C-alpha atoms as a PDB file:
ATOM      1  CA  MET A   1     224.066 -29.700-140.016  1.00  0.00           C
ATOM      2  CA  PRO A   2     223.195 -29.865-136.302  1.00  0.00           C
ATOM      3  CA  LYS A   3     225.413 -31.883-133.985  1.00  0.00           C
ATOM      4  CA  LEU A   4     225.421 -32.953-130.354  1.00  0.00           C
ATOM      5  CA  TYR A   5     228.723 -32.995-128.430  1.00  0.00           C
ATOM      6  CA  VAL A   6     228.626 -35.140-125.264  1.00  0.00           C
ATOM      7  CA  VAL A   7     231.273 -33.333-123.259  1.00  0.00           C
ATOM      8  CA  ALA A   8     232.833 -34.829-120.173  1.00  0.00           C
ATOM      9  CA  THR A   9     234.033 -32.190-117.693  1.00  0.00           C
ATOM     10  CA  PRO A  10     236.516 -32.265-114.789  1.00  0.00           C
ATOM     11  CA  ILE A  11     235.380 -34.225-111.696  1.00  0.00           C
ATOM     12  CA  GLY A  12     237.036 -31.694-109.384  1.00  0.00           C
ATOM     13  CA  ASN A  13     240.274 -30.166-110.572  1.00  0.00           C
ATOM     14  CA  LEU A  14     239.390 -27.697-113.366  1.00  0.00           C
ATOM     15  CA  ASN A  15     242.880 -28.072-114.817  1.00  0.00           C
ATOM     16  CA  ASP A  16     241.781 -31.462-116.078  1.00  0.00           C
ATOM     17  CA  LEU A  17     239.780 -29.667-118.795  1.00  0.00           C
ATOM     18  CA  THR A  18     241.374 -30.839-122.063  1.00  0.00           C
ATOM     19  CA  PRO A  19     241.901 -28.717-125.173  1.00  0.00           C
ATOM     20  CA  ARG A  20     239.287 -30.846-126.967  1.00  0.00           C
ATOM     21  CA  MET A  21     236.667 -30.300-124.263  1.00  0.00           C
ATOM     22  CA  ARG A  22     237.301 -26.568-124.415  1.00  0.00           C
ATOM     23  CA  GLN A  23     237.087 -26.631-128.215  1.00  0.00           C
ATOM     24  CA  ALA A  24     233.738 -28.385-128.091  1.00  0.00           C
ATOM     25  CA  LEU A  25     232.362 -25.854-125.584  1.00  0.00           C
ATOM     26  CA  GLU A  26     233.715 -22.947-127.725  1.00  0.00           C
ATOM     27  CA  CYS A  27     232.143 -24.106-130.957  1.00  0.00           C
ATOM     28  CA  ALA A  28     228.767 -24.975-129.399  1.00  0.00           C
ATOM     29  CA  ASP A  29     225.915 -22.644-130.211  1.00  0.00           C
ATOM     30  CA  LEU A  30     224.121 -23.753-127.019  1.00  0.00           C
ATOM     31  CA  ILE A  31     225.091 -25.713-123.889  1.00  0.00           C
ATOM     32  CA  ALA A  32     222.559 -28.114-122.340  1.00  0.00           C
ATOM     33  CA  ALA A  33     223.768 -28.298-118.758  1.00  0.00           C
ATOM     34  CA  GLU A  34     222.680 -30.427-115.819  1.00  0.00           C
ATOM     35  CA  ASP A  35     223.064 -27.317-113.624  1.00  0.00           C
ATOM     36  CA  THR A  36     223.730 -24.032-115.422  1.00  0.00           C
ATOM     37  CA  ARG A  37     225.268 -22.539-112.271  1.00  0.00           C
ATOM     38  CA  VAL A  38     227.881 -25.303-112.090  1.00  0.00           C
ATOM     39  CA  THR A  39     228.709 -25.112-115.763  1.00  0.00           C
ATOM     40  CA  MET A  40     228.876 -21.318-115.576  1.00  0.00           C
ATOM     41  CA  LYS A  41     231.760 -21.651-113.011  1.00  0.00           C
ATOM     42  CA  LEU A  42     233.646 -23.778-115.512  1.00  0.00           C
ATOM     43  CA  LEU A  43     233.014 -21.414-118.385  1.00  0.00           C
ATOM     44  CA  ASN A  44     234.061 -18.379-116.330  1.00  0.00           C
ATOM     45  CA  GLN A  45     237.268 -20.156-115.305  1.00  0.00           C
ATOM     46  CA  PHE A  46     238.329 -20.317-118.919  1.00  0.00           C
ATOM     47  CA  ASP A  47     236.627 -17.084-120.130  1.00  0.00           C
ATOM     48  CA  LEU A  48     234.086 -18.876-122.263  1.00  0.00           C
ATOM     49  CA  HIS A  49     230.716 -17.376-122.974  1.00  0.00           C
ATOM     50  CA  ARG A  50     227.915 -19.456-124.406  1.00  0.00           C
ATOM     51  CA  PRO A  51     224.099 -19.426-123.971  1.00  0.00           C
ATOM     52  CA  MET A  52     222.855 -22.241-121.695  1.00  0.00           C
ATOM     53  CA  LEU A  53     219.732 -24.040-120.765  1.00  0.00           C
ATOM     54  CA  SER A  54     219.110 -26.696-118.044  1.00  0.00           C
ATOM     55  CA  CYS A  55     218.634 -30.350-118.924  1.00  0.00           C
ATOM     56  CA  HIS A  56     218.567 -32.338-115.664  1.00  0.00           C
ATOM     57  CA  ARG A  57     217.041 -35.482-114.234  1.00  0.00           C
ATOM     58  CA  HIS A  58     213.657 -33.887-113.550  1.00  0.00           C
ATOM     59  CA  ASN A  59     213.074 -32.083-116.863  1.00  0.00           C
ATOM     60  CA  GLU A  60     215.109 -34.021-119.417  1.00  0.00           C
ATOM     61  CA  GLU A  61     212.173 -36.140-120.637  1.00  0.00           C
ATOM     62  CA  ALA A  62     210.286 -32.934-121.592  1.00  0.00           C
ATOM     63  CA  LYS A  63     213.287 -30.917-122.645  1.00  0.00           C
ATOM     64  CA  ALA A  64     214.995 -33.410-124.942  1.00  0.00           C
ATOM     65  CA  PRO A  65     212.448 -33.289-127.789  1.00  0.00           C
ATOM     66  CA  GLN A  66     212.295 -29.492-127.433  1.00  0.00           C
ATOM     67  CA  ILE A  67     216.106 -29.192-127.764  1.00  0.00           C
ATOM     68  CA  VAL A  68     216.166 -31.541-130.711  1.00  0.00           C
ATOM     69  CA  GLU A  69     213.401 -29.608-132.458  1.00  0.00           C
ATOM     70  CA  ARG A  70     215.314 -26.405-131.967  1.00  0.00           C
ATOM     71  CA  MET A  71     218.558 -27.966-133.202  1.00  0.00           C
ATOM     72  CA  LEU A  72     216.851 -29.058-136.412  1.00  0.00           C
ATOM     73  CA  ALA A  73     215.042 -25.782-136.925  1.00  0.00           C
ATOM     74  CA  GLU A  74     218.047 -23.488-136.203  1.00  0.00           C
ATOM     75  CA  ASP A  75     220.894 -25.843-137.367  1.00  0.00           C
ATOM     76  CA  LEU A  76     222.469 -25.711-133.848  1.00  0.00           C
ATOM     77  CA  THR A  77     225.531 -27.410-132.411  1.00  0.00           C
ATOM     78  CA  VAL A  78     224.763 -28.305-128.790  1.00  0.00           C
ATOM     79  CA  ALA A  79     227.241 -29.347-126.076  1.00  0.00           C
ATOM     80  CA  LEU A  80     225.740 -31.613-123.380  1.00  0.00           C
ATOM     81  CA  THR A  81     227.401 -31.374-119.967  1.00  0.00           C
ATOM     82  CA  CYS A  82     226.687 -32.688-116.457  1.00  0.00           C
ATOM     83  CA  ASP A  83     227.976 -31.259-113.202  1.00  0.00           C
ATOM     84  CA  ALA A  84     231.115 -33.364-113.193  1.00  0.00           C
ATOM     85  CA  GLY A  85     232.354 -36.314-115.264  1.00  0.00           C
ATOM     86  CA  THR A  86     230.649 -37.889-118.237  1.00  0.00           C
ATOM     87  CA  PRO A  87     226.964 -37.216-119.080  1.00  0.00           C
ATOM     88  CA  GLY A  88     224.710 -40.311-118.928  1.00  0.00           C
ATOM     89  CA  ILE A  89     226.910 -42.164-116.395  1.00  0.00           C
ATOM     90  CA  SER A  90     224.764 -41.950-113.268  1.00  0.00           C
ATOM     91  CA  ASP A  91     223.998 -38.456-114.523  1.00  0.00           C
ATOM     92  CA  PRO A  92     221.310 -37.104-116.882  1.00  0.00           C
ATOM     93  CA  GLY A  93     221.880 -36.969-120.599  1.00  0.00           C
ATOM     94  CA  HIS A  94     220.977 -40.296-122.154  1.00  0.00           C
ATOM     95  CA  LEU A  95     217.517 -39.151-123.178  1.00  0.00           C
ATOM     96  CA  LEU A  96     218.866 -36.203-125.154  1.00  0.00           C
ATOM     97  CA  VAL A  97     221.520 -38.423-126.749  1.00  0.00           C
ATOM     98  CA  ARG A  98     218.844 -40.956-127.683  1.00  0.00           C
ATOM     99  CA  ALA A  99     216.537 -38.283-129.076  1.00  0.00           C
ATOM    100  CA  CYS A 100     219.375 -36.921-131.260  1.00  0.00           C
ATOM    101  CA  TRP A 101     220.085 -40.445-132.685  1.00  0.00           C
ATOM    102  CA  GLU A 102     216.467 -40.954-133.406  1.00  0.00           C
ATOM    103  CA  ALA A 103     216.255 -37.594-135.172  1.00  0.00           C
ATOM    104  CA  GLY A 104     219.311 -38.341-137.322  1.00  0.00           C
ATOM    105  CA  ILE A 105     221.517 -35.784-135.513  1.00  0.00           C
ATOM    106  CA  PRO A 106     225.183 -36.811-135.331  1.00  0.00           C
ATOM    107  CA  VAL A 107     226.436 -37.445-131.766  1.00  0.00           C
ATOM    108  CA  GLU A 108     230.151 -36.922-130.971  1.00  0.00           C
ATOM    109  CA  PRO A 109     231.503 -37.966-127.566  1.00  0.00           C
ATOM    110  CA  VAL A 110     234.260 -35.827-126.069  1.00  0.00           C
ATOM    111  CA  CYS A 111     235.923 -38.135-123.597  1.00  0.00           C
ATOM    112  CA  GLY A 112     237.274 -37.077-120.252  1.00  0.00           C
ATOM    113  CA  PRO A 113     237.275 -37.781-116.527  1.00  0.00           C
ATOM    114  CA  SER A 114     235.114 -40.417-114.868  1.00  0.00           C
ATOM    115  CA  ALA A 115     235.030 -40.889-111.133  1.00  0.00           C
ATOM    116  CA  ALA A 116     234.454 -44.637-111.534  1.00  0.00           C
ATOM    117  CA  VAL A 117     237.483 -45.187-113.750  1.00  0.00           C
ATOM    118  CA  THR A 118     239.628 -42.866-111.691  1.00  0.00           C
ATOM    119  CA  CYS A 119     238.734 -44.757-108.516  1.00  0.00           C
ATOM    120  CA  LEU A 120     239.588 -48.099-110.193  1.00  0.00           C
ATOM    121  CA  SER A 121     242.931 -46.757-111.381  1.00  0.00           C
ATOM    122  CA  ALA A 122     243.929 -45.953-107.801  1.00  0.00           C
ATOM    123  CA  SER A 123     242.599 -49.200-106.279  1.00  0.00           C
ATOM    124  CA  GLY A 124     245.237 -51.669-107.436  1.00  0.00           C
ATOM    125  CA  PHE A 125     242.411 -54.177-108.083  1.00  0.00           C
ATOM    126  CA  ASP A 126     242.476 -56.398-111.177  1.00  0.00           C
ATOM    127  CA  ALA A 127     239.914 -54.475-113.233  1.00  0.00           C
ATOM    128  CA  ARG A 128     240.200 -56.386-116.488  1.00  0.00           C
ATOM    129  CA  GLU A 129     236.584 -57.274-115.720  1.00  0.00           C
ATOM    130  CA  PHE A 130     234.350 -55.080-113.597  1.00  0.00           C
ATOM    131  CA  ALA A 131     230.758 -53.923-113.296  1.00  0.00           C
ATOM    132  CA  PHE A 132     229.314 -50.482-112.603  1.00  0.00           C
ATOM    133  CA  TYR A 133     226.192 -50.088-110.485  1.00  0.00           C
ATOM    134  CA  GLY A 134     225.990 -46.392-109.715  1.00  0.00           C
ATOM    135  CA  PHE A 135     223.957 -45.665-106.630  1.00  0.00           C
ATOM    136  CA  LEU A 136     222.481 -48.680-104.768  1.00  0.00           C
ATOM    137  CA  PRO A 137     219.062 -48.736-103.025  1.00  0.00           C
ATOM    138  CA  ARG A 138     218.747 -46.914 -99.704  1.00  0.00           C
ATOM    139  CA  GLU A 139     216.361 -49.231 -97.892  1.00  0.00           C
ATOM    140  CA  LYS A 140     218.308 -51.910 -95.990  1.00  0.00           C
ATOM    141  CA  LYS A 141     216.521 -55.034 -97.332  1.00  0.00           C
ATOM    142  CA  ALA A 142     216.637 -53.732-100.908  1.00  0.00           C
ATOM    143  CA  LEU A 143     220.345 -52.955-100.459  1.00  0.00           C
ATOM    144  CA  ASN A 144     221.091 -56.402 -99.163  1.00  0.00           C
ATOM    145  CA  ASP A 145     219.148 -58.024-101.974  1.00  0.00           C
ATOM    146  CA  LYS A 146     220.998 -55.955-104.562  1.00  0.00           C
ATOM    147  CA  LEU A 147     224.410 -56.827-103.116  1.00  0.00           C
ATOM    148  CA  ASP A 148     223.443 -60.479-103.298  1.00  0.00           C
ATOM    149  CA  ALA A 149     222.432 -60.012-106.906  1.00  0.00           C
ATOM    150  CA  VAL A 150     225.707 -58.237-107.633  1.00  0.00           C
ATOM    151  CA  ARG A 151     227.658 -61.174-106.193  1.00  0.00           C
ATOM    152  CA  ARG A 152     225.602 -63.701-108.163  1.00  0.00           C
ATOM    153  CA  ALA A 153     226.325 -61.702-111.324  1.00  0.00           C
ATOM    154  CA  GLY A 154     229.922 -62.835-111.043  1.00  0.00           C
ATOM    155  CA  ALA A 155     232.021 -59.743-111.755  1.00  0.00           C
ATOM    156  CA  PRO A 156     235.127 -59.854-109.535  1.00  0.00           C
ATOM    157  CA  VAL A 157     235.176 -56.040-109.013  1.00  0.00           C
ATOM    158  CA  PHE A 158     232.377 -53.518-109.052  1.00  0.00           C
ATOM    159  CA  VAL A 159     232.124 -49.793-108.628  1.00  0.00           C
ATOM    160  CA  LEU A 160     229.536 -47.759-106.765  1.00  0.00           C
ATOM    161  CA  TYR A 161     228.705 -44.102-106.031  1.00  0.00           C
ATOM    162  CA  GLU A 162     227.397 -43.004-102.636  1.00  0.00           C
ATOM    163  CA  SER A 163     226.396 -39.795-100.863  1.00  0.00           C
ATOM    164  CA  PRO A 164     228.456 -38.576 -97.933  1.00  0.00           C
ATOM    165  CA  HIS A 165     225.546 -39.010 -95.545  1.00  0.00           C
ATOM    166  CA  ARG A 166     225.227 -42.742 -96.304  1.00  0.00           C
ATOM    167  CA  ILE A 167     228.801 -43.817 -96.939  1.00  0.00           C
ATOM    168  CA  VAL A 168     229.396 -45.184 -93.396  1.00  0.00           C
ATOM    169  CA  GLU A 169     226.138 -47.188 -93.501  1.00  0.00           C
ATOM    170  CA  LEU A 170     227.054 -48.662 -96.893  1.00  0.00           C
ATOM    171  CA  ALA A 171     230.546 -49.556 -95.669  1.00  0.00           C
ATOM    172  CA  GLU A 172     228.990 -51.162 -92.589  1.00  0.00           C
ATOM    173  CA  THR A 173     226.667 -53.262 -94.712  1.00  0.00           C
ATOM    174  CA  ILE A 174     229.528 -54.447 -97.063  1.00  0.00           C
ATOM    175  CA  ALA A 175     231.836 -55.140 -94.109  1.00  0.00           C
ATOM    176  CA  GLY A 176     229.064 -57.161 -92.350  1.00  0.00           C
ATOM    177  CA  LYS A 177     228.298 -59.272 -95.480  1.00  0.00           C
ATOM    178  CA  TRP A 178     231.843 -59.664 -96.853  1.00  0.00           C
ATOM    179  CA  PRO A 179     234.511 -58.867 -94.207  1.00  0.00           C
ATOM    180  CA  GLU A 180     237.231 -60.436 -96.297  1.00  0.00           C
ATOM    181  CA  CYS A 181     236.557 -58.296 -99.414  1.00  0.00           C
ATOM    182  CA  LEU A 182     238.721 -55.279-100.334  1.00  0.00           C
ATOM    183  CA  LEU A 183     237.482 -51.669-100.625  1.00  0.00           C
ATOM    184  CA  CYS A 184     238.885 -48.628-102.214  1.00  0.00           C
ATOM    185  CA  VAL A 185     236.835 -45.631-101.139  1.00  0.00           C
ATOM    186  CA  CYS A 186     237.624 -42.330-102.803  1.00  0.00           C
ATOM    187  CA  SER A 187     236.303 -38.906-101.642  1.00  0.00           C
ATOM    188  CA  ASP A 188     236.584 -35.677-103.628  1.00  0.00           C
ATOM    189  CA  LEU A 189     238.787 -37.143-106.314  1.00  0.00           C
ATOM    190  CA  THR A 190     241.213 -34.592-107.875  1.00  0.00           C
ATOM    191  CA  LYS A 191     240.166 -31.893-105.394  1.00  0.00           C
ATOM    192  CA  LYS A 192     242.142 -30.182-102.661  1.00  0.00           C
ATOM    193  CA  PHE A 193     240.913 -32.485 -99.895  1.00  0.00           C
ATOM    194  CA  GLU A 194     240.996 -35.728-101.901  1.00  0.00           C
ATOM    195  CA  ARG A 195     241.036 -38.851 -99.652  1.00  0.00           C
ATOM    196  CA  ILE A 196     241.525 -42.456-100.641  1.00  0.00           C
ATOM    197  CA  TYR A 197     240.900 -45.300 -98.197  1.00  0.00           C
ATOM    198  CA  ARG A 198     242.054 -48.762 -99.156  1.00  0.00           C
ATOM    199  CA  GLY A 199     242.057 -52.148 -97.336  1.00  0.00           C
ATOM    200  CA  THR A 200     239.697 -54.843 -96.079  1.00  0.00           C
ATOM    201  CA  ALA A 201     236.123 -53.730 -95.619  1.00  0.00           C
ATOM    202  CA  PRO A 202     236.384 -53.562 -91.774  1.00  0.00           C
ATOM    203  CA  ASP A 203     239.639 -51.586 -91.995  1.00  0.00           C
ATOM    204  CA  VAL A 204     238.210 -49.035 -94.416  1.00  0.00           C
ATOM    205  CA  LEU A 205     235.074 -48.771 -92.297  1.00  0.00           C
ATOM    206  CA  ALA A 206     237.227 -47.946 -89.235  1.00  0.00           C
ATOM    207  CA  GLN A 207     239.095 -45.239 -91.258  1.00  0.00           C
ATOM    208  CA  LEU A 208     235.829 -43.695 -92.375  1.00  0.00           C
ATOM    209  CA  LYS A 209     234.471 -43.620 -88.856  1.00  0.00           C
ATOM    210  CA  ALA A 210     237.716 -41.996 -87.595  1.00  0.00           C
ATOM    211  CA  ASN A 211     237.290 -39.076 -90.007  1.00  0.00           C
ATOM    212  CA  PRO A 212     235.283 -36.257 -88.364  1.00  0.00           C
ATOM    213  CA  ALA A 213     234.573 -34.825 -91.853  1.00  0.00           C
ATOM    214  CA  VAL A 214     233.324 -38.096 -93.305  1.00  0.00           C
ATOM    215  CA  GLU A 215     229.935 -36.528 -94.229  1.00  0.00           C
ATOM    216  CA  LYS A 216     231.615 -34.081 -96.583  1.00  0.00           C
ATOM    217  CA  GLY A 217     232.546 -34.686-100.230  1.00  0.00           C
ATOM    218  CA  GLU A 218     231.439 -37.046-102.945  1.00  0.00           C
ATOM    219  CA  TYR A 219     232.216 -40.790-102.745  1.00  0.00           C
ATOM    220  CA  CYS A 220     233.125 -43.471-105.266  1.00  0.00           C
ATOM    221  CA  LEU A 221     233.888 -47.049-104.148  1.00  0.00           C
ATOM    222  CA  ALA A 222     235.597 -49.950-105.876  1.00  0.00           C
ATOM    223  CA  VAL A 223     234.786 -53.329-104.263  1.00  0.00           C
ATOM    224  CA  ASP A 224     236.947 -56.403-104.894  1.00  0.00           C
ATOM    225  CA  ILE A 225     235.063 -59.606-104.143  1.00  0.00           C
ATOM    226  CA  SER A 226     237.283 -61.861-106.278  1.00  0.00           C
ATOM    227  CA  MET A 227     238.346 -63.831-103.163  1.00  0.00           C
ATOM    228  CA  LEU A 228     234.767 -64.820-102.273  1.00  0.00           C
ATOM    229  CA  PRO A 229     233.456 -68.220-103.408  1.00  0.00           C
ATOM    230  CA  PRO A 230     230.799 -68.205-106.136  1.00  0.00           C
ATOM    231  CA  MET A 231     227.336 -67.592-104.739  1.00  0.00           C
ATOM    232  CA  GLU A 232     224.882 -70.368-105.514  1.00  0.00           C
ATOM    233  CA  ALA A 233     221.675 -69.335-107.222  1.00  0.00           C
ATOM    234  CA  PRO A 234     218.641 -69.715-104.944  1.00  0.00           C
ATOM    235  CA  VAL A 235     216.672 -72.898-105.516  1.00  0.00           C
ATOM    236  CA  GLN A 236     213.386 -72.094-107.162  1.00  0.00           C
ATOM    237  CA  ARG A 237     210.506 -73.918-105.504  1.00  0.00           C
ATOM    238  CA  PRO A 238     207.529 -75.030-107.612  1.00  0.00           C
ATOM    239  CA  GLU A 239     204.264 -73.102-107.657  1.00  0.00           C
ATOM    240  CA  ALA A 240     201.758 -73.979-104.966  1.00  0.00           C
ATOM    241  CA  ALA A 241     199.564 -75.792-107.510  1.00  0.00           C
ATOM    242  CA  ALA A 242     202.420 -77.993-108.690  1.00  0.00           C
ATOM    243  CA  PHE A 243     203.468 -78.723-105.049  1.00  0.00           C
ATOM    244  CA  MET A 244     199.936 -79.721-104.119  1.00  0.00           C
ATOM    245  CA  LEU A 245     199.433 -81.856-107.237  1.00  0.00           C
ATOM    246  CA  ALA A 246     202.612 -83.768-106.454  1.00  0.00           C
ATOM    247  CA  ARG A 247     201.218 -84.513-102.961  1.00  0.00           C
ATOM    248  CA  MET A 248     197.912 -85.654-104.452  1.00  0.00           C
ATOM    249  CA  LEU A 249     199.738 -87.987-106.830  1.00  0.00           C
ATOM    250  CA  ASP A 250     201.203 -89.531-103.666  1.00  0.00           C
ATOM    251  CA  GLY A 251     197.674 -90.209-102.421  1.00  0.00           C
ATOM    252  CA  ALA A 252     196.830 -87.040-100.452  1.00  0.00           C
ATOM    253  CA  GLU A 253     193.401 -85.434-100.644  1.00  0.00           C
ATOM    254  CA  LEU A 254     193.100 -81.826-101.805  1.00  0.00           C
ATOM    255  CA  ARG A 255     192.648 -80.597 -98.240  1.00  0.00           C
ATOM    256  CA  GLU A 256     195.709 -82.533 -97.067  1.00  0.00           C
ATOM    257  CA  ALA A 257     197.764 -81.206-100.000  1.00  0.00           C
ATOM    258  CA  ALA A 258     196.734 -77.655 -99.024  1.00  0.00           C
ATOM    259  CA  ASP A 259     197.776 -78.261 -95.438  1.00  0.00           C
ATOM    260  CA  ALA A 260     201.166 -79.548 -96.590  1.00  0.00           C
ATOM    261  CA  ALA A 261     201.660 -76.422 -98.759  1.00  0.00           C
ATOM    262  CA  SER A 262     200.829 -74.218 -95.696  1.00  0.00           C
ATOM    263  CA  GLU A 263     203.411 -76.070 -93.640  1.00  0.00           C
ATOM    264  CA  ALA A 264     205.960 -75.596 -96.468  1.00  0.00           C
ATOM    265  CA  GLY A 265     205.501 -71.808 -96.197  1.00  0.00           C
ATOM    266  CA  TYR A 266     203.313 -71.039 -99.223  1.00  0.00           C
ATOM    267  CA  PRO A 267     201.175 -67.899 -98.741  1.00  0.00           C
ATOM    268  CA  ARG A 268     197.508 -68.492 -97.967  1.00  0.00           C
ATOM    269  CA  ASN A 269     196.273 -66.553-101.031  1.00  0.00           C
ATOM    270  CA  GLU A 270     198.509 -68.626-103.317  1.00  0.00           C
ATOM    271  CA  ILE A 271     197.214 -71.871-101.699  1.00  0.00           C
ATOM    272  CA  TYR A 272     193.651 -70.662-102.197  1.00  0.00           C
ATOM    273  CA  ARG A 273     194.223 -69.916-105.868  1.00  0.00           C
ATOM    274  CA  ALA A 274     195.919 -73.301-106.267  1.00  0.00           C
ATOM    275  CA  LYS A 275     192.949 -75.096-104.707  1.00  0.00           C
ATOM    276  CA  LEU A 276     190.573 -73.359-107.158  1.00  0.00           C
ATOM    277  CA  LYS A 277     192.862 -74.240-110.097  1.00  0.00           C
ATOM    278  CA  ILE A 278     193.139 -77.912-109.105  1.00  0.00           C
ATOM    279  CA  ALA A 279     189.365 -78.195-108.389  1.00  0.00           C
ATOM    280  CA  ASP A 280     188.668 -76.658-111.806  1.00  0.00           C
ATOM    281  CA  MET A 281     191.045 -79.163-113.487  1.00  0.00           C
ATOM    282  CA  PHE A 282     189.187 -82.132-111.956  1.00  0.00           C
ATOM    283  CA  ASP A 283     185.745 -80.640-112.573  1.00  0.00           C
ATOM    284  CA  GLY A 284     186.670 -80.289-116.271  1.00  0.00           C
ATOM    285  CA  GLU A 285     187.307 -84.010-116.597  1.00  0.00           C
END
């Protein structure tokens, strides 16, 4: 019977490959790899030889049903790997896993390293409750909006991934919004040049800026915002039509209610639609 192994692989130090990971790779008839070149280095390190095909972010939607069809037709055991860490966690893989479940193919996870959990373990933060957000938006307004949403969500600690070219900008944004929060920023975990920066957001930002090689490596961040007061949810204002009707119930004419809505900051097109809606309500009487 076909089977899918979801195989976590070392995030840096190849000696972290466990006997069970190796066994899963050895018994697989085929390896579906995020990048066959990266997985080939791992296989060569341990003198493993297995046929591979690529299954990455840009082709997984098309490849997943093809792989499943082949698994069923040829009774194949497939090992799914990503470049480092666990497939499906800010890495491709979930579409193939889902397709296997839907086709009735057993899925067996082979646990192993995760940059997010490794970072948390080194942070000293109380991670009995935490949230994982992967990569945040790049555009500044979208990033600020997302950070506000993260804070409103209420998790005391959250974990992020970031590229080396944007790590300083992200740290600057966090330090500007929440200077009292704590950061644990990890670079190249388990590798030769592993670095871990920990402290208040401004302190960690200064440490990052002082590193001339800051734009090298892969970054994972744990952010402790447990000391911040709860963020109040934004007050939802009524629709323009409801706002204008309330003014009209107080004695204002439709034109005056529209002027009041404009002064309150409602967009012109929304006010226009509200006027048509209200006029239609009164015409129907």
